[in-house]
Protein backbone atom coordinates (compact mmCIF):
# COMPACT_ATOMS: atom_id res chain seq x y z
CA MET A 1 19.92 -14.54 -3.64
CA ALA A 2 18.15 -11.19 -3.54
CA THR A 3 17.15 -9.55 -0.26
CA LEU A 4 13.75 -7.86 0.01
CA THR A 5 12.51 -6.16 3.17
CA ILE A 6 8.88 -5.09 3.48
CA LEU A 7 7.61 -2.79 6.20
CA ARG A 8 4.17 -1.52 7.04
CA HIS A 9 4.18 2.11 8.17
CA GLY A 10 3.94 2.98 11.87
CA LYS A 11 0.58 3.65 13.49
CA SER A 12 -1.16 6.66 12.00
CA LEU A 13 -3.55 9.07 13.68
CA TRP A 14 -6.47 7.24 12.07
CA ASN A 15 -5.13 3.82 13.06
CA LYS A 16 -5.31 5.14 16.61
CA GLU A 17 -8.94 6.20 16.05
CA LYS A 18 -9.78 2.88 14.32
CA ARG A 19 -10.91 4.60 11.13
CA PHE A 20 -10.89 3.16 7.63
CA THR A 21 -8.02 5.20 6.21
CA GLY A 22 -7.38 3.95 2.69
CA TRP A 23 -5.98 6.72 0.48
CA THR A 24 -6.66 9.48 3.02
CA ASP A 25 -3.31 11.14 3.65
CA VAL A 26 -2.99 11.19 7.43
CA ALA A 27 0.16 11.60 9.51
CA LEU A 28 1.90 9.20 11.86
CA SER A 29 0.87 9.27 15.50
CA SER A 30 3.51 9.74 18.19
CA SER A 31 3.50 5.98 18.78
CA GLY A 32 3.94 5.45 15.04
CA ILE A 33 7.06 7.61 15.07
CA THR A 34 8.41 5.55 17.97
CA GLU A 35 7.61 2.33 16.09
CA ALA A 36 9.45 3.54 12.99
CA LYS A 37 12.56 4.35 15.04
CA HIS A 38 12.41 0.91 16.65
CA ALA A 39 12.14 -0.75 13.23
CA GLY A 40 15.25 1.12 12.10
CA ARG A 41 17.14 -0.03 15.20
CA LEU A 42 16.08 -3.65 14.64
CA LEU A 43 17.28 -3.56 11.03
CA ARG A 44 20.56 -1.89 11.94
CA ALA A 45 21.23 -4.38 14.75
CA ARG A 46 20.64 -7.21 12.30
CA GLY A 47 23.21 -5.75 9.92
CA VAL A 48 20.66 -5.18 7.15
CA THR A 49 21.45 -2.50 4.59
CA PHE A 50 19.68 -1.18 1.50
CA ASP A 51 20.59 -0.01 -1.97
CA PHE A 52 17.16 1.18 -3.08
CA CYS A 53 13.83 2.00 -1.41
CA PHE A 54 10.25 2.22 -2.59
CA THR A 55 7.25 3.75 -0.89
CA SER A 56 3.74 4.96 -1.67
CA TYR A 57 2.40 8.47 -2.25
CA LEU A 58 0.99 8.61 1.28
CA ASN A 59 2.79 10.54 4.01
CA ARG A 60 2.47 7.92 6.75
CA ALA A 61 4.56 5.54 4.64
CA ILE A 62 6.96 8.24 3.42
CA GLU A 63 7.56 9.49 6.96
CA THR A 64 8.12 5.96 8.25
CA LEU A 65 10.70 5.32 5.53
CA GLU A 66 12.54 8.58 6.26
CA ILE A 67 12.67 7.80 10.00
CA VAL A 68 13.91 4.25 9.37
CA LEU A 69 16.67 5.40 7.02
CA ASP A 70 17.71 8.22 9.36
CA THR A 71 17.89 5.78 12.28
CA MET A 72 20.01 3.41 10.19
CA GLN A 73 22.22 6.30 8.96
CA LEU A 74 21.17 5.49 5.38
CA SER A 75 19.44 8.76 4.47
CA HIS A 76 21.45 8.92 1.23
CA ILE A 77 19.75 5.82 -0.21
CA PRO A 78 17.66 6.51 -3.37
CA ILE A 79 13.88 6.52 -2.85
CA ARG A 80 11.17 6.09 -5.47
CA LYS A 81 7.51 6.79 -4.74
CA ASP A 82 4.85 4.82 -6.61
CA TRP A 83 1.09 5.31 -6.25
CA ARG A 84 0.54 1.60 -6.88
CA LEU A 85 1.94 0.94 -3.40
CA ASN A 86 -0.89 2.97 -1.84
CA GLU A 87 -3.22 1.34 0.66
CA ARG A 88 -6.38 -0.37 -0.51
CA HIS A 89 -9.10 2.19 -1.25
CA TYR A 90 -12.06 1.62 1.05
CA GLY A 91 -14.67 3.48 -1.00
CA GLU A 92 -17.64 4.64 1.06
CA LEU A 93 -16.05 3.25 4.25
CA GLN A 94 -13.13 5.64 4.00
CA GLY A 95 -13.08 7.98 6.99
CA LEU A 96 -15.62 6.02 9.04
CA LYS A 97 -14.73 4.56 12.40
CA TRP A 98 -15.23 0.79 12.57
CA TRP A 99 -18.22 1.08 14.89
CA GLU A 100 -19.79 3.69 12.59
CA ALA A 101 -19.41 1.39 9.59
CA THR A 102 -20.91 -1.60 11.43
CA LYS A 103 -23.82 0.53 12.66
CA LYS A 104 -24.52 1.69 9.10
CA TYR A 105 -23.96 -1.57 7.19
CA GLY A 106 -24.00 -4.34 9.80
CA THR A 107 -21.08 -6.20 11.36
CA LYS A 108 -21.30 -9.23 9.07
CA GLN A 109 -21.21 -7.09 5.93
CA VAL A 110 -18.29 -4.95 7.12
CA LEU A 111 -16.29 -8.05 8.06
CA SER A 112 -16.97 -9.47 4.61
CA TRP A 113 -15.61 -6.32 2.98
CA GLN A 114 -12.56 -6.45 5.25
CA ARG A 115 -11.75 -10.15 5.02
CA ASP A 116 -13.01 -11.48 1.66
CA PHE A 117 -10.39 -11.43 -1.09
CA ASP A 118 -12.64 -10.20 -3.88
CA THR A 119 -15.42 -8.19 -2.20
CA PRO A 120 -15.01 -4.39 -2.41
CA PRO A 121 -16.98 -1.91 -0.27
CA PRO A 122 -19.51 0.42 -1.98
CA PRO A 123 -17.73 2.70 -4.50
CA LEU A 124 -17.42 6.45 -4.24
CA ALA A 125 -19.14 8.74 -6.73
CA LEU A 126 -16.67 10.38 -9.11
CA ALA A 127 -17.61 13.79 -7.69
CA ASP A 128 -16.84 12.70 -4.12
CA PRO A 129 -13.84 14.60 -2.68
CA ARG A 130 -12.48 11.25 -1.45
CA PHE A 131 -12.15 9.96 -5.04
CA PRO A 132 -8.43 10.19 -5.95
CA GLY A 133 -9.26 11.77 -9.31
CA ASN A 134 -10.17 14.94 -7.37
CA ASP A 135 -6.80 15.06 -5.59
CA PRO A 136 -4.04 17.16 -7.26
CA LEU A 137 -1.54 14.47 -6.23
CA TYR A 138 -2.92 12.17 -8.94
CA THR A 139 -3.61 14.59 -11.79
CA HIS A 140 -0.86 12.97 -13.89
CA LEU A 141 -2.89 9.74 -13.99
CA GLU A 142 -5.98 8.91 -16.02
CA SER A 143 -9.02 9.00 -13.76
CA THR A 144 -10.05 5.58 -15.10
CA ALA A 145 -6.89 4.11 -13.52
CA LEU A 146 -7.85 5.41 -10.08
CA PRO A 147 -10.06 3.39 -7.72
CA GLN A 148 -13.50 4.31 -6.43
CA SER A 149 -13.28 1.29 -4.12
CA GLU A 150 -11.09 -1.81 -3.98
CA SER A 151 -11.05 -5.36 -2.75
CA LEU A 152 -7.72 -6.97 -1.89
CA LYS A 153 -7.92 -8.61 -5.32
CA ASP A 154 -8.16 -5.17 -6.95
CA THR A 155 -5.27 -3.88 -4.83
CA LEU A 156 -3.08 -6.78 -5.89
CA ALA A 157 -3.99 -6.26 -9.56
CA ARG A 158 -2.71 -2.65 -9.52
CA LEU A 159 0.35 -3.64 -7.44
CA LEU A 160 1.64 -6.45 -9.65
CA PRO A 161 2.77 -4.24 -12.58
CA PHE A 162 4.90 -2.26 -10.11
CA TRP A 163 6.36 -5.50 -8.73
CA HIS A 164 7.20 -7.01 -12.11
CA ASP A 165 8.27 -3.88 -13.99
CA VAL A 166 9.90 -1.78 -11.27
CA ALA A 167 10.89 -3.79 -8.17
CA ILE A 168 12.07 -7.04 -9.73
CA PRO A 169 14.63 -5.39 -12.06
CA GLU A 170 16.30 -3.77 -9.03
CA LEU A 171 16.40 -7.10 -7.19
CA GLN A 172 17.76 -8.90 -10.25
CA HIS A 173 20.61 -6.39 -10.34
CA GLY A 174 21.62 -7.59 -6.88
CA LYS A 175 20.26 -4.63 -4.94
CA ASN A 176 18.93 -4.95 -1.41
CA VAL A 177 15.46 -3.43 -1.61
CA LEU A 178 13.19 -1.96 1.08
CA ILE A 179 9.48 -1.42 0.41
CA VAL A 180 7.60 0.68 2.98
CA ALA A 181 3.90 0.60 2.25
CA HIS A 182 0.56 -0.34 3.78
CA HIS A 183 -1.29 -3.24 5.33
CA ASN A 184 -3.22 -4.35 2.26
CA SER A 185 -0.71 -3.49 -0.46
CA LEU A 186 1.86 -5.56 1.46
CA ARG A 187 -0.65 -8.36 2.17
CA GLY A 188 -1.26 -8.50 -1.57
CA LEU A 189 2.47 -8.75 -2.24
CA MET A 190 2.84 -11.48 0.39
CA LYS A 191 -0.05 -13.38 -1.19
CA HIS A 192 1.75 -13.28 -4.52
CA LEU A 193 5.21 -14.14 -3.19
CA ASP A 194 4.12 -16.92 -0.85
CA ASN A 195 1.33 -18.27 -3.07
CA ILE A 196 -1.25 -17.84 -0.31
CA SER A 197 -4.77 -18.94 -1.22
CA ASP A 198 -7.71 -16.55 -1.54
CA ALA A 199 -9.21 -18.03 1.61
CA ASP A 200 -6.03 -18.12 3.72
CA ILE A 201 -5.02 -14.52 3.01
CA ALA A 202 -7.89 -13.45 5.29
CA ASN A 203 -5.85 -14.77 8.23
CA ILE A 204 -2.70 -12.83 7.36
CA ARG A 205 -2.12 -9.67 9.38
CA ILE A 206 0.95 -7.44 9.16
CA ARG A 207 1.75 -5.43 12.28
CA THR A 208 2.71 -1.77 12.02
CA ALA A 209 6.47 -1.17 11.68
CA ASP A 210 7.28 -4.90 11.72
CA PRO A 211 10.26 -5.53 9.36
CA ILE A 212 9.80 -8.71 7.32
CA LEU A 213 12.84 -10.04 5.47
CA TYR A 214 12.65 -12.20 2.35
CA GLN A 215 15.47 -14.09 0.69
CA LEU A 216 14.51 -14.60 -2.96
CA ASN A 217 16.15 -16.88 -5.51
CA GLU A 218 16.97 -15.84 -9.07
CA THR A 219 13.37 -16.46 -10.17
CA MET A 220 12.05 -14.28 -7.30
CA VAL A 221 10.68 -17.27 -5.39
CA PRO A 222 11.07 -16.88 -1.59
CA MET A 223 13.67 -19.12 0.02
CA SER A 224 12.91 -17.74 3.47
CA ARG A 225 10.75 -15.18 5.27
CA GLU A 226 11.46 -13.77 8.72
CA SER A 227 9.86 -11.18 10.97
CA LEU A 228 12.35 -9.19 13.02
CA ARG A 229 9.74 -8.54 15.71
CA PRO A 230 8.56 -12.01 16.80
CA ARG A 231 5.03 -12.24 18.10
CA SER A 232 4.79 -12.96 21.82
CA THR A 233 2.94 -16.02 23.15
CA PHE A 234 0.31 -13.70 24.64
CA SER A 235 -0.16 -11.93 21.31
CA ARG A 236 -0.56 -15.24 19.45
CA LEU A 237 -3.16 -16.36 21.99
CA SER A 238 -4.99 -13.04 21.66
CA GLN A 239 -5.12 -13.44 17.88
CA LYS A 240 -6.60 -16.94 18.20
CA ILE A 241 -9.29 -15.68 20.59
CA LEU A 242 -10.06 -12.74 18.28
CA GLY A 243 -10.25 -15.07 15.29
CA ARG A 244 -12.77 -17.32 17.03
CA TRP A 245 -14.88 -14.30 18.05
CA LEU A 246 -14.91 -12.95 14.49
CA GLN A 247 -15.97 -16.35 13.17
CA ARG A 248 -18.87 -16.46 15.61
CA ILE A 249 -20.23 -12.99 14.88
CA SER A 250 -19.77 -13.33 11.12
CA GLY A 251 -21.92 -16.46 11.12
């Protein structure tokens, strides 16, 4: 069996401010750095090791990966960065705080953009500085390949070629692989691996710096999935209460 570990980056400065971050390249917060170190300790205590690592082009994921590997004394492990692991692009929402977005567009509409599988927020104009085609980091890519806004469906569509063409060959060669990426790119990968429905994926949340271990068979079908940071009873109860509240206000 192949071993795949996925890890969302630690809390960023914009996570702390409750902003829609998307492709904006913000740094980890101090608590995010602490979370990344804790994730490394959890993995090391479990006896997990890696042969190859992947991450996105965004510094909050890159920094998390570097901290995890340093904590595990695995800094020599090869790393490959791939833009297709970037977070979902939030279009016109990018940079807004949640309350600012709901004030501008309405709570029900913002929740729909956040939770619906195939509903993207309003797209950016090509001249907008937030459009990735205006960022020197992506000049090697055709601007038509870069998003102006994305739904989770769009994010998964750009992720799958990376998964099939880049990640799977490493796993099939018997390598233990770590992917450090973002909430929605990893939710998309989980949807694909676990065959989660379009409706049910709305209920899947990945906590920051929570290592999730997959055991995959030779056809890359999961045999098991385990979080190394189990959710507390209080946290599960809080999520249920939050879910009921969101259902009520979204009508």
